């Protein structure tokens, strides 16, 4: 941009308008055209192309074109991520388990990075990650309850309570740590290990991060529930 030509362009426009007020009917148009030419030359380094016709004048800047190209590139990357994930799910269906934690973290990081480059605001990430975090919270609850292993050394009534608690956890947006703690205390399942896991869960609900990442990655192997007295033996 050339500041001197910009100033000249503005002065020419003002002069043309002033001439119109002084009954010089043709001069305002001369002022407008002259001002446009000066401003165009002042910003010549930013203009991609210039076209004039009976319908008007069209100019497109390099910045606008580059922005559009960058957006298209990021959309292509995002489409690639989505296609990769969809095709992988198709191939894994019926023959393999889900993604590993490492694969999940990579996919999430790639997706969020691309969305950020597309200009998606940070607060929108909360909506994007809502279901992701809901299922992580559910994994905590299921892990603390011994995953799919029925509690050891208890009667049918306690087992039915355990099944009902798990089913209700699926239906909720999330289960508070205090609710899980009350269930463990009520049935005598609370141990030092469970207290630590509950602290991990509370940390996740508060900060959306894992207090002990190594323990979290091993959640499928968290131990089966058993009565507090039996666990101490």
Protein backbone atom coordinates (compact mmCIF):
# COMPACT_ATOMS: atom_id res chain seq x y z
CA UNK A 1 0.00 0.00 0.00
CA UNK A 2 1.22 3.51 -0.88
CA UNK A 3 -0.03 6.04 1.73
CA UNK A 4 0.63 9.09 -0.48
CA UNK A 5 -1.63 7.81 -3.26
CA UNK A 6 -4.28 6.93 -0.71
CA UNK A 7 -4.27 10.52 0.58
CA UNK A 8 -4.43 11.88 -3.00
CA UNK A 9 -7.35 9.58 -3.77
CA UNK A 10 -9.29 10.84 -0.76
CA UNK A 11 -8.57 14.48 -1.65
CA UNK A 12 -9.70 13.95 -5.26
CA UNK A 13 -12.95 12.38 -4.03
CA UNK A 14 -13.61 15.24 -1.59
CA UNK A 15 -12.86 17.81 -4.31
CA UNK A 16 -15.27 16.14 -6.71
CA UNK A 17 -18.04 16.09 -4.12
CA UNK A 18 -17.40 19.74 -3.25
CA UNK A 19 -17.59 20.63 -6.95
CA UNK A 20 -21.00 18.99 -7.11
CA UNK A 21 -22.29 21.27 -4.38
CA UNK A 22 -21.01 24.21 -6.46
CA UNK A 23 -23.23 23.17 -9.41
CA UNK A 24 -20.40 21.62 -11.48
CA UNK A 25 -22.45 18.53 -12.36
CA UNK A 26 -19.77 16.68 -14.33
CA UNK A 27 -16.93 17.16 -11.85
CA UNK A 28 -18.23 14.81 -9.11
CA UNK A 29 -17.99 11.86 -11.53
CA UNK A 30 -14.47 12.89 -12.46
CA UNK A 31 -13.64 13.04 -8.76
CA UNK A 32 -15.08 9.59 -8.10
CA UNK A 33 -13.23 8.01 -11.03
CA UNK A 34 -10.00 9.80 -10.17
CA UNK A 35 -10.26 8.79 -6.53
CA UNK A 36 -10.88 5.16 -7.48
CA UNK A 37 -7.86 5.11 -9.77
CA UNK A 38 -5.61 6.56 -7.08
CA UNK A 39 -6.83 4.13 -4.44
CA UNK A 40 -6.45 1.23 -6.85
CA UNK A 41 -2.85 2.13 -7.62
CA UNK A 42 -2.19 2.69 -3.92
CA UNK A 43 -3.23 -0.93 -3.25
CA UNK A 44 -1.94 -2.45 -6.48
CA UNK A 45 0.29 -4.91 -4.61
CA UNK A 46 -2.80 -6.44 -2.98
CA UNK A 47 -5.00 -6.79 -6.07
CA UNK A 48 -5.18 -10.14 -7.87
CA UNK A 49 -7.20 -8.96 -10.88
CA UNK A 50 -9.19 -5.94 -12.03
CA UNK A 51 -12.15 -5.93 -14.41
CA UNK A 52 -14.35 -3.10 -15.61
CA UNK A 53 -17.58 -3.46 -17.59
CA UNK A 54 -20.91 -1.76 -18.10
CA UNK A 55 -22.13 -3.55 -14.96
CA UNK A 56 -19.44 -2.06 -12.74
CA UNK A 57 -15.93 -2.62 -11.55
CA UNK A 58 -14.63 -5.79 -9.91
CA UNK A 59 -11.36 -6.22 -8.06
CA UNK A 60 -10.26 -9.23 -6.05
CA UNK A 61 -7.41 -9.02 -3.60
CA UNK A 62 -4.70 -11.60 -3.16
CA UNK A 63 -5.45 -11.79 0.57
CA UNK A 64 -9.05 -12.88 -0.05
CA UNK A 65 -7.98 -15.49 -2.57
CA UNK A 66 -5.27 -16.84 -0.27
CA UNK A 67 -7.72 -17.05 2.62
CA UNK A 68 -10.14 -19.03 0.48
CA UNK A 69 -7.35 -21.35 -0.64
CA UNK A 70 -6.22 -21.90 2.97
CA UNK A 71 -9.79 -22.66 4.05
CA UNK A 72 -10.21 -25.14 1.23
CA UNK A 73 -6.95 -26.85 2.20
CA UNK A 74 -8.06 -27.23 5.82
CA UNK A 75 -11.47 -28.54 4.75
CA UNK A 76 -9.72 -31.11 2.59
CA UNK A 77 -7.61 -32.19 5.58
CA UNK A 78 -10.72 -32.44 7.76
CA UNK A 79 -12.50 -34.50 5.09
CA UNK A 80 -9.46 -36.79 4.96
CA UNK A 81 -9.60 -37.35 8.73
CA UNK A 82 -13.32 -38.13 8.58
CA UNK A 83 -12.88 -40.50 5.63
CA UNK A 84 -10.01 -42.30 7.39
CA UNK A 85 -12.07 -42.73 10.56
CA UNK A 86 -15.19 -43.90 8.69
CA UNK A 87 -13.35 -46.46 6.56
CA UNK A 88 -11.46 -47.78 9.57
CA UNK A 89 -14.72 -48.28 11.48
CA UNK A 90 -16.14 -50.21 8.51
CA UNK A 91 -13.10 -52.50 8.39
CA UNK A 92 -13.00 -53.07 12.15
CA UNK A 93 -16.69 -53.83 12.46
CA UNK A 94 -17.20 -57.42 13.57
CA UNK A 95 -13.53 -58.34 13.62
CA UNK A 96 -11.66 -56.04 16.01
CA UNK A 97 -12.16 -54.01 19.13
CA UNK A 98 -12.28 -50.23 19.24
CA UNK A 99 -9.44 -47.79 18.79
CA UNK A 100 -6.52 -47.84 21.19
CA UNK A 101 -6.07 -44.83 23.47
CA UNK A 102 -3.10 -43.72 21.35
CA UNK A 103 -5.19 -43.85 18.16
CA UNK A 104 -8.06 -41.98 19.81
CA UNK A 105 -5.74 -39.24 21.07
CA UNK A 106 -4.16 -38.88 17.63
CA UNK A 107 -7.52 -38.60 15.88
CA UNK A 108 -8.79 -36.08 18.45
CA UNK A 109 -5.64 -33.96 18.22
CA UNK A 110 -5.75 -33.95 14.40
CA UNK A 111 -9.43 -33.00 14.35
CA UNK A 112 -9.08 -30.18 16.88
CA UNK A 113 -5.97 -28.83 15.15
CA UNK A 114 -7.79 -28.67 11.82
CA UNK A 115 -10.86 -27.04 13.36
CA UNK A 116 -8.61 -24.45 14.99
CA UNK A 117 -6.96 -23.64 11.65
CA UNK A 118 -10.42 -23.21 10.14
CA UNK A 119 -11.08 -20.49 12.69
CA UNK A 120 -13.49 -22.43 14.92
CA UNK A 121 -13.70 -20.64 18.27
CA UNK A 122 -12.35 -22.44 21.34
CA UNK A 123 -15.72 -22.39 23.08
CA UNK A 124 -17.17 -24.45 20.20
CA UNK A 125 -14.71 -27.22 21.10
CA UNK A 126 -16.81 -27.90 24.20
CA UNK A 127 -19.69 -28.90 21.94
CA UNK A 128 -17.40 -31.00 19.72
CA UNK A 129 -15.96 -32.84 22.74
CA UNK A 130 -19.21 -33.25 24.70
CA UNK A 131 -19.84 -36.89 23.72
CA UNK A 132 -16.13 -37.73 23.82
CA UNK A 133 -15.94 -36.64 27.45
CA UNK A 134 -19.25 -38.30 28.32
CA UNK A 135 -17.90 -41.67 27.23
CA UNK A 136 -14.62 -41.12 29.05
CA UNK A 137 -16.61 -40.39 32.22
CA UNK A 138 -18.63 -43.55 31.59
CA UNK A 139 -15.40 -45.54 31.26
CA UNK A 140 -14.36 -44.25 34.67
CA UNK A 141 -17.64 -45.32 36.26
CA UNK A 142 -17.59 -48.76 34.64
CA UNK A 143 -13.94 -49.24 35.57
CA UNK A 144 -14.50 -48.29 39.19
CA UNK A 145 -17.39 -50.77 39.28
CA UNK A 146 -15.14 -53.55 37.99
CA UNK A 147 -16.02 -53.19 34.29
CA UNK A 148 -18.15 -56.13 33.13
CA UNK A 149 -17.11 -58.47 35.96
CA UNK A 150 -19.92 -59.17 38.45
CA UNK A 151 -18.96 -58.30 42.07
CA UNK A 152 -17.44 -61.20 43.95
CA UNK A 153 -18.94 -62.82 47.05
CA UNK A 154 -22.30 -61.04 47.09
CA UNK A 155 -25.94 -62.12 46.75
CA UNK A 156 -28.31 -61.65 43.84
CA UNK A 157 -29.87 -58.51 45.33
CA UNK A 158 -26.53 -56.68 45.34
CA UNK A 159 -25.75 -57.91 41.83
CA UNK A 160 -29.09 -56.55 40.60
CA UNK A 161 -28.30 -53.19 42.24
CA UNK A 162 -24.91 -53.24 40.51
CA UNK A 163 -26.51 -53.92 37.10
CA UNK A 164 -29.12 -51.20 37.63
CA UNK A 165 -26.44 -48.69 38.62
CA UNK A 166 -24.45 -49.43 35.45
CA UNK A 167 -27.55 -49.14 33.26
CA UNK A 168 -28.50 -45.80 34.84
CA UNK A 169 -24.97 -44.51 34.29
CA UNK A 170 -25.37 -45.11 30.56
CA UNK A 171 -28.60 -43.09 30.50
CA UNK A 172 -27.16 -40.10 32.38
CA UNK A 173 -25.07 -37.32 30.82
CA UNK A 174 -22.63 -38.11 33.60
CA UNK A 175 -22.62 -39.72 37.03
CA UNK A 176 -21.18 -37.60 39.84
CA UNK A 177 -18.31 -39.08 41.81
CA UNK A 178 -20.32 -38.70 45.04
CA UNK A 179 -23.03 -40.96 43.62
CA UNK A 180 -20.47 -43.66 42.81
CA UNK A 181 -18.89 -43.23 46.25
CA UNK A 182 -22.28 -43.64 47.95
CA UNK A 183 -22.92 -46.87 46.04
CA UNK A 184 -19.53 -48.32 47.03
CA UNK A 185 -19.99 -47.33 50.68
CA UNK A 186 -23.53 -48.68 50.83
CA UNK A 187 -22.52 -52.14 49.65
CA UNK A 188 -19.17 -52.30 51.46
CA UNK A 189 -17.09 -52.15 48.27
CA UNK A 190 -14.95 -49.16 49.25
CA UNK A 191 -11.21 -49.85 49.37
CA UNK A 192 -8.10 -47.68 49.20
CA UNK A 193 -7.80 -48.55 45.52
CA UNK A 194 -11.37 -47.36 44.87
CA UNK A 195 -10.71 -44.13 46.77
CA UNK A 196 -7.77 -43.39 44.50
CA UNK A 197 -9.84 -44.17 41.41
CA UNK A 198 -12.60 -41.88 42.66
CA UNK A 199 -10.03 -39.12 43.06
CA UNK A 200 -8.97 -39.75 39.46
CA UNK A 201 -12.59 -39.51 38.37
CA UNK A 202 -13.23 -36.28 40.29
CA UNK A 203 -10.10 -34.79 38.73
CA UNK A 204 -11.38 -35.67 35.25
CA UNK A 205 -14.84 -34.22 35.87
CA UNK A 206 -13.28 -30.97 37.08
CA UNK A 207 -10.39 -30.46 34.65
CA UNK A 208 -11.11 -32.80 31.70
CA UNK A 209 -7.65 -34.31 32.09
CA UNK A 210 -6.43 -37.58 33.57
CA UNK A 211 -4.78 -37.40 36.99
CA UNK A 212 -2.86 -40.64 36.43
CA UNK A 213 -2.64 -41.26 32.69
CA UNK A 214 -0.95 -44.64 33.07
CA UNK A 215 -3.71 -45.87 35.39
CA UNK A 216 -6.35 -44.51 33.02
CA UNK A 217 -4.87 -46.39 30.06
CA UNK A 218 -5.10 -49.60 32.10
CA UNK A 219 -8.77 -49.08 33.01
CA UNK A 220 -9.92 -52.28 31.26
CA UNK A 221 -7.95 -54.21 33.89
CA UNK A 222 -9.21 -52.42 36.99
CA UNK A 223 -10.08 -55.07 39.54
CA UNK A 224 -13.41 -56.70 40.24
CA UNK A 225 -15.56 -55.34 43.08
CA UNK A 226 -15.57 -57.31 46.31
CA UNK A 227 -16.58 -56.65 49.89
CA UNK A 228 -14.18 -54.51 51.87
CA UNK A 229 -13.46 -57.29 54.39
CA UNK A 230 -12.74 -59.83 51.66
CA UNK A 231 -10.45 -57.41 49.84
CA UNK A 232 -8.38 -56.94 52.99
CA UNK A 233 -7.77 -60.68 53.38
